[in-house]
Protein backbone atom coordinates (compact mmCIF):
# COMPACT_ATOMS: atom_id res chain seq x y z
CA MET A 1 -21.66 -14.65 -43.31
CA LYS A 2 -20.40 -18.23 -43.64
CA LYS A 3 -16.78 -17.05 -43.36
CA LEU A 4 -17.68 -14.92 -40.32
CA LEU A 5 -19.51 -17.82 -38.64
CA CYS A 6 -16.57 -20.18 -39.25
CA THR A 7 -14.17 -17.60 -37.83
CA ILE A 8 -16.27 -17.18 -34.66
CA MET A 9 -16.56 -20.97 -34.19
CA ALA A 10 -12.81 -21.38 -34.61
CA ILE A 11 -12.10 -18.70 -31.99
CA CYS A 12 -14.57 -20.33 -29.58
CA MET A 13 -12.90 -23.72 -30.08
CA ILE A 14 -9.43 -22.30 -29.38
CA LEU A 15 -10.65 -20.58 -26.21
CA SER A 16 -12.41 -23.75 -25.09
CA LEU A 17 -9.28 -25.87 -25.56
CA ALA A 18 -7.18 -23.33 -23.71
CA ALA A 19 -9.64 -23.35 -20.81
CA CYS A 20 -9.51 -27.16 -20.63
CA GLY A 21 -5.77 -26.95 -20.13
CA GLU A 22 -6.09 -24.63 -17.16
CA LYS A 23 -6.52 -25.92 -13.60
CA PRO A 24 -9.44 -24.22 -11.81
CA GLN A 25 -8.10 -21.83 -9.22
CA GLU A 26 -10.17 -23.27 -6.42
CA THR A 27 -8.65 -26.77 -6.81
CA VAL A 28 -5.06 -25.61 -6.47
CA ASP A 29 -3.55 -26.66 -3.12
CA GLU A 30 -1.69 -23.59 -2.05
CA GLY A 31 -0.34 -25.16 1.14
CA PHE A 32 1.02 -23.12 4.05
CA LYS A 33 0.98 -19.35 3.54
CA PRO A 34 3.07 -17.26 5.98
CA ALA A 35 1.06 -14.69 7.90
CA LEU A 36 3.93 -12.85 9.63
CA ASP A 37 6.97 -10.90 8.47
CA ALA A 38 9.32 -13.41 6.84
CA GLU A 39 12.32 -11.54 8.26
CA THR A 40 11.21 -11.98 11.87
CA SER A 41 14.08 -13.06 14.11
CA CYS A 42 13.31 -14.98 17.33
CA LYS A 43 13.73 -18.25 19.20
CA ILE A 44 11.21 -21.05 19.77
CA THR A 45 11.81 -24.02 22.05
CA VAL A 46 9.87 -27.28 22.26
CA ALA A 47 10.27 -29.24 25.52
CA GLY A 48 9.54 -32.92 25.93
CA ASN A 49 10.70 -36.24 27.36
CA TYR A 50 12.03 -37.87 24.17
CA ASP A 51 15.79 -38.41 24.12
CA ASN A 52 15.83 -37.02 20.59
CA PHE A 53 13.25 -35.91 18.07
CA GLU A 54 14.63 -36.05 14.54
CA ALA A 55 11.15 -35.97 13.01
CA LEU A 56 10.39 -32.63 14.65
CA GLU A 57 13.78 -31.23 13.76
CA ALA A 58 13.01 -31.99 10.11
CA GLU A 59 9.90 -29.84 10.52
CA PHE A 60 12.07 -27.06 11.94
CA ASP A 61 14.08 -27.11 8.73
CA ARG A 62 10.94 -26.92 6.61
CA PHE A 63 9.55 -24.05 8.66
CA ASN A 64 12.82 -22.19 8.16
CA GLU A 65 12.15 -22.19 4.44
CA PHE A 66 9.42 -19.65 5.26
CA TYR A 67 11.07 -17.98 8.26
CA PRO A 68 14.86 -18.34 7.91
CA ASN A 69 15.66 -16.20 10.96
CA VAL A 70 13.58 -18.15 13.46
CA GLN A 71 15.73 -20.41 15.62
CA LEU A 72 13.83 -23.56 16.63
CA SER A 73 15.15 -26.15 19.06
CA TYR A 74 14.04 -29.22 20.97
CA VAL A 75 15.12 -29.89 24.57
CA LYS A 76 14.60 -32.94 26.73
CA LEU A 77 13.65 -32.25 30.34
CA ASP A 78 14.88 -34.78 32.88
CA ASP A 79 12.17 -35.91 35.32
CA TYR A 80 9.71 -34.32 32.89
CA ASN A 81 6.44 -34.75 34.77
CA ASN A 82 7.81 -33.31 38.00
CA VAL A 83 9.70 -30.32 36.60
CA LEU A 84 7.33 -29.21 33.84
CA GLY A 85 5.21 -26.90 36.00
CA THR A 86 8.27 -25.04 37.29
CA THR A 87 9.92 -24.91 33.88
CA LEU A 88 6.89 -23.26 32.25
CA LYS A 89 7.27 -20.19 34.44
CA GLY A 90 11.07 -20.04 34.57
CA ASN A 91 13.47 -17.76 32.71
CA ASP A 92 13.99 -20.33 29.96
CA LYS A 93 10.33 -21.32 29.65
CA PRO A 94 9.52 -23.34 26.52
CA ASN A 95 7.10 -22.14 23.87
CA ILE A 96 5.63 -25.58 23.19
CA PHE A 97 5.63 -28.65 25.43
CA PHE A 98 4.59 -32.31 25.46
CA SER A 99 1.23 -32.73 27.16
CA TYR A 100 -1.01 -35.66 28.05
CA THR A 101 -4.73 -36.07 28.53
CA TRP A 102 -4.25 -37.44 32.03
CA MET A 103 -2.88 -34.06 33.08
CA ILE A 104 -6.32 -32.50 32.69
CA GLY A 105 -8.21 -32.48 35.98
CA ASN A 106 -5.18 -33.73 37.92
CA GLU A 107 -4.44 -31.29 40.74
CA GLN A 108 -0.73 -31.99 40.45
CA TYR A 109 -0.80 -30.42 36.97
CA ASP A 110 -3.09 -27.45 37.63
CA SER A 111 -0.14 -25.11 37.17
CA VAL A 112 0.67 -26.76 33.83
CA TYR A 113 -2.94 -26.45 32.67
CA ALA A 114 -2.95 -22.77 33.65
CA HIS A 115 -0.21 -22.13 31.07
CA MET A 116 -2.01 -23.88 28.19
CA GLU A 117 -3.36 -21.81 25.33
CA ASP A 118 -6.77 -22.59 23.83
CA LEU A 119 -5.77 -23.99 20.45
CA SER A 120 -9.36 -24.08 19.20
CA ASP A 121 -9.45 -20.26 19.07
CA PRO A 122 -10.43 -19.48 15.44
CA ALA A 123 -8.02 -16.53 15.46
CA LEU A 124 -5.08 -18.98 15.56
CA GLY A 125 -6.14 -20.66 12.31
CA LEU A 126 -5.11 -24.20 13.29
CA ASN A 127 -6.58 -26.84 10.97
CA LEU A 128 -7.83 -29.21 13.67
CA ASP A 129 -10.09 -30.86 11.10
CA CYS A 130 -7.09 -32.69 9.66
CA ILE A 131 -6.91 -34.78 12.86
CA ARG A 132 -9.18 -37.76 13.57
CA PRO A 133 -11.97 -36.36 15.80
CA GLY A 134 -11.62 -39.10 18.40
CA LEU A 135 -8.09 -37.96 19.21
CA ILE A 136 -8.95 -34.38 20.12
CA ASN A 137 -9.85 -33.70 23.73
CA HIS A 138 -12.53 -31.02 24.02
CA GLY A 139 -12.96 -29.68 27.53
CA SER A 140 -16.36 -29.10 29.08
CA ASP A 141 -16.06 -25.52 27.84
CA GLY A 142 -15.25 -26.70 24.31
CA LYS A 143 -11.63 -25.58 24.48
CA VAL A 144 -8.78 -27.63 23.04
CA MET A 145 -5.63 -27.32 25.13
CA LEU A 146 -3.72 -30.29 23.65
CA VAL A 147 -3.27 -31.25 19.99
CA PRO A 148 -2.14 -34.79 19.04
CA VAL A 149 0.94 -35.06 16.83
CA PHE A 150 1.23 -38.87 17.15
CA SER A 151 -1.27 -41.56 18.09
CA ARG A 152 -1.04 -45.13 19.39
CA THR A 153 -2.98 -48.36 19.40
CA TYR A 154 -2.71 -52.02 20.44
CA GLY A 155 -2.24 -55.07 18.26
CA MET A 156 0.18 -57.70 16.98
CA LEU A 157 3.13 -57.64 14.62
CA VAL A 158 2.60 -60.33 11.99
CA ASN A 159 5.40 -62.05 10.07
CA ASN A 160 3.72 -62.08 6.66
CA ASP A 161 6.40 -64.31 5.12
CA LEU A 162 5.86 -67.03 7.73
CA PHE A 163 2.13 -67.03 7.06
CA GLU A 164 2.78 -67.37 3.34
CA LYS A 165 5.40 -70.10 3.87
CA GLU A 166 3.05 -72.17 6.03
CA GLY A 167 0.00 -71.56 3.85
CA GLN A 168 -1.95 -69.61 6.47
CA SER A 169 -4.13 -66.52 6.19
CA ILE A 170 -3.99 -63.60 8.62
CA PRO A 171 -6.78 -64.26 11.17
CA THR A 172 -9.60 -61.73 11.47
CA THR A 173 -11.82 -63.56 14.00
CA TRP A 174 -11.23 -65.46 17.23
CA THR A 175 -12.07 -68.78 15.56
CA GLU A 176 -9.62 -68.10 12.75
CA LEU A 177 -6.95 -67.11 15.28
CA THR A 178 -7.25 -70.35 17.24
CA LYS A 179 -7.13 -72.41 14.05
CA VAL A 180 -4.05 -70.53 12.84
CA CYS A 181 -2.30 -71.04 16.18
CA ASP A 182 -3.12 -74.75 16.12
CA ALA A 183 -1.78 -74.97 12.56
CA PHE A 184 1.49 -73.27 13.51
CA ARG A 185 1.91 -75.50 16.56
CA SER A 186 1.42 -78.59 14.41
CA LYS A 187 4.27 -77.32 12.23
CA GLY A 188 6.66 -77.02 15.17
CA TYR A 189 6.10 -73.43 16.36
CA SER A 190 5.96 -73.84 20.14
CA SER A 191 4.61 -70.33 20.76
CA PRO A 192 2.63 -69.04 17.76
CA MET A 193 2.08 -65.81 19.66
CA MET A 194 4.54 -64.04 21.96
CA GLY A 195 4.82 -60.85 23.96
CA TYR A 196 6.47 -59.18 26.93
CA THR A 197 5.62 -60.75 30.32
CA LEU A 198 8.04 -59.59 33.02
CA LYS A 199 6.21 -56.48 34.29
CA SER A 200 2.63 -55.25 34.07
CA SER A 201 3.55 -52.13 32.15
CA GLY A 202 3.83 -53.05 28.49
CA SER A 203 2.86 -56.69 29.06
CA PHE A 204 0.98 -58.58 26.36
CA MET A 205 -1.72 -59.35 28.97
CA TYR A 206 -2.57 -55.66 29.18
CA THR A 207 -2.35 -55.23 25.40
CA VAL A 208 -4.95 -57.99 24.99
CA ALA A 209 -7.22 -57.03 27.89
CA TYR A 210 -7.39 -53.25 27.62
CA PRO A 211 -9.16 -53.03 24.22
CA MET A 212 -11.79 -55.56 25.35
CA PHE A 213 -12.38 -53.77 28.64
CA VAL A 214 -12.79 -50.44 26.85
CA ALA A 215 -15.21 -52.04 24.37
CA THR A 216 -17.25 -53.55 27.22
CA LEU A 217 -17.56 -50.19 28.95
CA ALA A 218 -18.17 -48.19 25.78
CA GLY A 219 -21.78 -49.30 25.40
CA ASN A 220 -22.66 -49.00 29.08
CA PRO A 221 -22.44 -45.47 30.58
CA GLU A 222 -23.41 -46.71 34.05
CA ALA A 223 -20.68 -49.35 33.98
CA LEU A 224 -18.13 -46.76 32.85
CA LYS A 225 -19.15 -44.46 35.70
CA LYS A 226 -18.64 -47.26 38.23
CA ALA A 227 -15.34 -48.30 36.69
CA ASN A 228 -13.96 -44.76 36.78
CA ALA A 229 -15.06 -44.45 40.41
CA LEU A 230 -13.17 -47.70 41.16
CA ASP A 231 -16.40 -49.25 42.44
CA PRO A 232 -15.70 -52.96 43.14
CA ALA A 233 -18.99 -53.76 41.40
CA ALA A 234 -17.35 -52.74 38.12
CA GLY A 235 -14.92 -55.64 38.40
CA GLU A 236 -17.38 -57.92 36.66
CA TYR A 237 -16.95 -55.90 33.48
CA MET A 238 -13.31 -57.01 33.35
CA ARG A 239 -14.26 -60.68 33.13
CA PRO A 240 -14.50 -61.04 29.30
CA ALA A 241 -11.10 -59.37 28.87
CA LEU A 242 -9.47 -61.49 31.57
CA GLU A 243 -10.96 -64.68 30.14
CA THR A 244 -9.42 -63.85 26.76
CA VAL A 245 -5.98 -63.43 28.35
CA GLU A 246 -6.35 -66.75 30.15
CA ASN A 247 -7.54 -68.49 26.97
CA PHE A 248 -4.41 -67.37 25.10
CA ILE A 249 -2.22 -69.01 27.71
CA LYS A 250 -4.24 -72.12 28.61
CA GLY A 251 -4.88 -72.78 24.94
CA GLY A 252 -1.15 -73.13 24.44
CA TYR A 253 -0.93 -70.25 21.99
CA ILE A 254 1.59 -68.37 24.15
CA ASP A 255 4.54 -69.96 25.96
CA LEU A 256 5.14 -67.84 29.07
CA ALA A 257 8.55 -69.41 29.70
CA GLU A 258 9.73 -68.28 26.27
CA CYS A 259 8.16 -64.85 26.68
CA ASP A 260 9.94 -64.41 30.02
CA LYS A 261 13.23 -64.41 28.13
CA ILE A 262 12.30 -61.07 26.51
CA GLU A 263 13.95 -58.49 28.75
CA ASP A 264 11.98 -55.35 27.88
CA SER A 265 8.78 -54.34 26.11
CA TYR A 266 10.49 -52.31 23.39
CA THR A 267 13.88 -53.15 21.87
CA LYS A 268 13.99 -56.76 23.05
CA VAL A 269 10.46 -57.42 21.81
CA ILE A 270 11.42 -56.11 18.38
CA LEU A 271 14.69 -58.03 18.18
CA ARG A 272 12.97 -61.24 19.29
CA PHE A 273 10.36 -60.79 16.56
CA PHE A 274 13.11 -60.17 14.02
CA GLU A 275 14.55 -63.63 14.75
CA GLY A 276 11.96 -64.68 12.20
CA ASP A 277 10.36 -67.65 13.98
CA VAL A 278 7.49 -65.81 15.71
CA PRO A 279 4.29 -65.69 13.63
CA MET A 280 2.60 -63.06 15.83
CA MET A 281 4.13 -60.70 18.42
CA ILE A 282 1.65 -58.89 20.67
CA CYS A 283 2.71 -55.32 21.43
CA GLN A 284 1.70 -51.67 21.41
CA GLY A 285 2.07 -49.19 18.59
CA ASP A 286 4.82 -47.36 20.46
CA THR A 287 6.92 -50.53 20.22
CA VAL A 288 6.22 -50.82 16.49
CA SER A 289 7.67 -47.33 16.04
CA GLY A 290 11.12 -48.74 16.83
CA THR A 291 11.11 -51.45 14.16
CA LYS A 292 12.56 -49.44 11.29
CA LYS A 293 15.69 -48.44 13.22
CA ARG A 294 16.28 -51.93 14.55
CA GLU A 295 16.10 -53.84 11.29
CA SER A 296 19.81 -53.20 10.80
CA GLN A 297 20.55 -54.04 14.46
CA SER A 298 19.20 -57.55 14.06
CA GLU A 299 21.71 -59.98 12.59
CA ALA A 300 18.92 -62.45 11.83
CA PHE A 301 16.74 -59.89 10.06
CA SER A 302 19.68 -58.46 8.11
CA LYS A 303 20.53 -61.95 6.90
CA THR A 304 16.93 -62.99 6.18
CA PRO A 305 14.60 -59.99 6.00
CA PHE A 306 10.84 -60.49 5.87
CA GLU A 307 7.67 -58.46 5.39
CA TYR A 308 5.71 -57.60 8.52
CA THR A 309 2.52 -55.69 9.34
CA PHE A 310 0.72 -54.50 12.48
CA TYR A 311 -2.80 -55.94 12.85
CA PRO A 312 -5.63 -55.70 15.40
CA ILE A 313 -5.82 -58.78 17.63
CA PRO A 314 -9.02 -60.70 16.81
CA MET A 315 -11.05 -60.60 20.03
CA GLY A 316 -14.26 -62.24 18.82
CA GLU A 317 -16.15 -63.33 15.76
CA GLU A 318 -16.55 -59.70 14.71
CA GLY A 319 -12.81 -59.09 14.68
CA GLY A 320 -10.45 -56.86 16.62
CA TYR A 321 -10.65 -53.33 17.95
CA PHE A 322 -8.91 -50.14 16.98
CA ILE A 323 -8.22 -48.32 20.24
CA ASP A 324 -7.42 -44.87 18.88
CA SER A 325 -5.50 -42.85 21.46
CA PRO A 326 -3.13 -39.88 21.30
CA SER A 327 0.49 -40.69 22.00
CA ILE A 328 2.28 -37.34 22.07
CA GLN A 329 0.33 -34.10 22.22
CA PHE A 330 1.56 -30.53 22.00
CA SER A 331 0.41 -27.58 24.06
CA VAL A 332 1.42 -23.95 23.69
CA ASN A 333 2.67 -21.99 26.68
CA LYS A 334 0.46 -18.92 26.45
CA ASP A 335 2.91 -17.00 28.64
CA CYS A 336 5.94 -17.70 26.45
CA ASP A 337 8.04 -15.20 24.53
CA ASN A 338 7.28 -14.79 20.82
CA LEU A 339 3.76 -16.18 21.14
CA ASP A 340 2.72 -14.98 17.66
CA MET A 341 5.53 -16.90 15.94
CA THR A 342 4.90 -19.91 18.19
CA ASN A 343 1.31 -20.03 16.99
CA GLU A 344 2.52 -19.57 13.42
CA PHE A 345 4.70 -22.67 13.80
CA MET A 346 1.76 -24.61 15.22
CA ARG A 347 -0.39 -23.51 12.28
CA PHE A 348 2.33 -24.81 9.97
CA LEU A 349 2.73 -28.09 11.85
CA ILE A 350 -0.94 -29.01 12.28
CA ALA A 351 -1.52 -29.99 8.69
CA THR A 352 -1.99 -33.38 7.05
CA GLU A 353 1.27 -33.18 5.11
CA GLU A 354 3.44 -32.19 8.08
CA LEU A 355 1.87 -34.59 10.61
CA ASN A 356 2.14 -37.46 8.14
CA ALA A 357 5.77 -36.57 7.47
CA MET A 358 6.60 -36.69 11.18
CA ALA A 359 4.77 -39.99 11.65
CA SER A 360 6.65 -41.46 8.70
CA VAL A 361 10.05 -40.53 10.13
CA LYS A 362 9.19 -41.67 13.66
CA ARG A 363 7.13 -44.63 12.41
CA LEU A 364 4.31 -43.86 14.78
CA VAL A 365 0.62 -43.85 13.90
CA THR A 366 -0.33 -40.58 12.21
CA PRO A 367 -3.15 -38.64 13.90
CA THR A 368 -4.62 -37.78 10.50
CA SER A 369 -7.23 -39.85 8.67
CA ASP A 370 -4.65 -41.22 6.20
CA LEU A 371 -3.71 -44.52 7.86
CA SER A 372 -2.50 -45.89 4.54
CA LEU A 373 0.54 -43.61 4.80
CA ASP A 374 2.62 -46.43 6.31
CA PRO A 375 1.56 -49.90 5.07
CA ILE A 376 2.53 -51.38 8.42
CA TYR A 377 -0.47 -49.65 10.06
CA ALA A 378 -2.86 -49.89 7.10
CA PRO A 379 -4.97 -52.76 8.60
CA PHE A 380 -6.25 -50.42 11.30
CA GLY A 381 -7.74 -48.21 8.63
CA GLN A 382 -10.00 -51.15 7.70
CA VAL A 383 -11.50 -51.57 11.19
CA PRO A 384 -15.24 -50.67 11.14
CA VAL A 385 -16.33 -47.48 12.86
CA ASP A 386 -18.30 -49.38 15.49
CA ARG A 387 -15.11 -51.18 16.55
CA THR A 388 -12.98 -48.03 16.61
CA MET A 389 -12.91 -46.43 20.05
CA SER A 390 -11.23 -43.42 21.58
CA PRO A 391 -10.78 -43.87 25.35
CA GLU A 392 -10.25 -40.14 25.87
CA VAL A 393 -13.58 -39.33 24.23
CA LEU A 394 -15.35 -42.07 26.19
CA GLY A 395 -13.91 -40.70 29.41
CA ILE A 396 -11.64 -43.60 30.40
CA THR A 397 -9.50 -42.44 33.32
CA ASP A 398 -5.93 -43.35 34.19
CA ALA A 399 -7.07 -44.89 37.49
CA LEU A 400 -9.33 -47.29 35.57
CA THR A 401 -6.46 -48.19 33.25
CA VAL A 402 -4.27 -49.15 36.21
CA GLN A 403 -6.90 -51.65 37.38
CA ILE A 404 -7.13 -53.61 34.13
CA ARG A 405 -3.37 -53.43 33.55
CA ILE A 406 -2.46 -55.04 36.88
CA ALA A 407 -5.42 -57.42 37.00
CA ALA A 408 -4.67 -58.79 33.52
CA PHE A 409 -1.00 -59.21 34.36
CA GLN A 410 -1.62 -61.09 37.59
CA VAL A 411 -4.27 -63.33 36.01
CA GLY A 412 -1.95 -64.06 33.08
CA ARG A 413 0.92 -64.93 35.40
CA GLY A 414 -1.35 -67.23 37.40
CA GLU A 415 -0.90 -65.15 40.56
CA ILE A 416 -4.65 -64.71 41.09
CA SER A 417 -7.81 -66.18 39.59
CA ILE A 418 -10.25 -64.26 37.43
CA ASP A 419 -12.79 -64.33 40.28
CA GLU A 420 -10.23 -62.81 42.65
CA ALA A 421 -9.36 -60.12 40.12
CA VAL A 422 -13.03 -59.25 39.63
CA LYS A 423 -13.59 -59.09 43.39
CA ASN A 424 -10.55 -56.86 43.98
CA TYR A 425 -11.33 -54.24 41.34
CA GLY A 426 -10.46 -50.81 42.68
CA SER A 427 -7.71 -52.07 44.99
CA PHE A 428 -4.93 -52.71 42.45
CA LYS A 429 -2.00 -50.30 42.79
C-alpha cells in the first residue's frame, strides 16, 4: 500500500509540474485571424491628402502576409476636400478614404457621408474598444462612420537638456512656468518660449487659447450652445484664454520679433527648436510628428543632439490640458468593389498593435490607450481624467474654432484688445 501510495503521489507531482509549464489557452494572444479565403485576389485603394504614407504602406505589407494576392495602394487626391464626393462614385472609387468629423452635418459633404459604411456594425468585427472612447464619434443613431487612426493635441516641445543644464524642473503649473521663464531670462535666454506667429492657422496664440476655451465651455452646456451658435454673448467665455495669451507676451516670456522669423508652423518651427537655444517651443502634435525626420536635416542638432519631450502647457495651478482629438480618420466606401476584403483589412488595421505601429512610424499620437508607446508623448498619459477633453464628444464645432483661432491671433499680435475680441465674437472670418 505504501509503495502504491508513493507511486500515485509521484505521478500527481509530475502531472502538476507539467501543468505549471503550460500557458493557459485563454491567455494566449492569438492576434489577427483571417476570416476570408487566403487566396483571394483583388485590389484595395486608400485615398487621402497626405503626400506619402509610409506607415500605412508598412501595414499593407503586413496584411499581405495573410492575403498575398490582395493588391493594396495609397493615392493622394489633389484638392481633396472638393473632389472627394465625385471620386467616391467614379470608376476608380477608393475603398477607404480620409474623413474628418467636421464633414458630418456639413451639407457640402452630404454625398460623402452617404457613401460611409457603419463601422460599428457587430458583423464587421472591428475592435473599436482598442481606441480611446473620446476619439470615436458616435452619431445620434449610435453609428460610427469614421474611425481614428491618428490623434492630435496641443502643447510645447521641451528641450530637456537645457532644463538640466540650467538646473530647472519642467513646469507643471502656471506659477512654476512663470518662475522657470524668469530663470531662463536671467540666464540670457531672451525668449524662453517661442512659437509660430505669422498667420492665425498654426499660431502659438491659438495653441495656447484653444485648450482653455474648450475647458471653459466643457463645464457649461449653455455657454457651449451659445458659442456654437456664434452668439456674441459667448465672447465673454473667451476672456480667460485670451488673457493667458496676452500674459505670455506682456510677461516677456515670448519675443514676437524672434518668433516672426519662423517662416512656417511645421518644418521651420522644428528646425528653429533644433537650434538648441529654445527651452520651450509651443506647437501642435502634428508639428511634433515631423521631428524624427528632421533631426538629420538640422546641422545644429546633428552636431549637438539633445533629448526633447512634448508636454501640456501649464494653464493654471492645476496644470495643463490634454485636448484629445482625432487627426486622421478612415471611412469605408460602402459602395466600393471588394467590400468584404476592405472590411477585412479594416478589421486587421483597427487593433492596438497595428495602430501603435503606424503612430510610431509617423510619430503621431496613437489613438489607443498606450500613450507610453513613444516617450515624447508620454506626459499626456499623466494628465488627470478631469483635464482630458475631447472636443468632438463635447460638440465643439468648426465655426466655434474659427472664432477663438482668429481672436487669439489678433489679440496676441496687438491688433485688437481683449474687450474688442470678446465683443466681436461670432464675426471673425
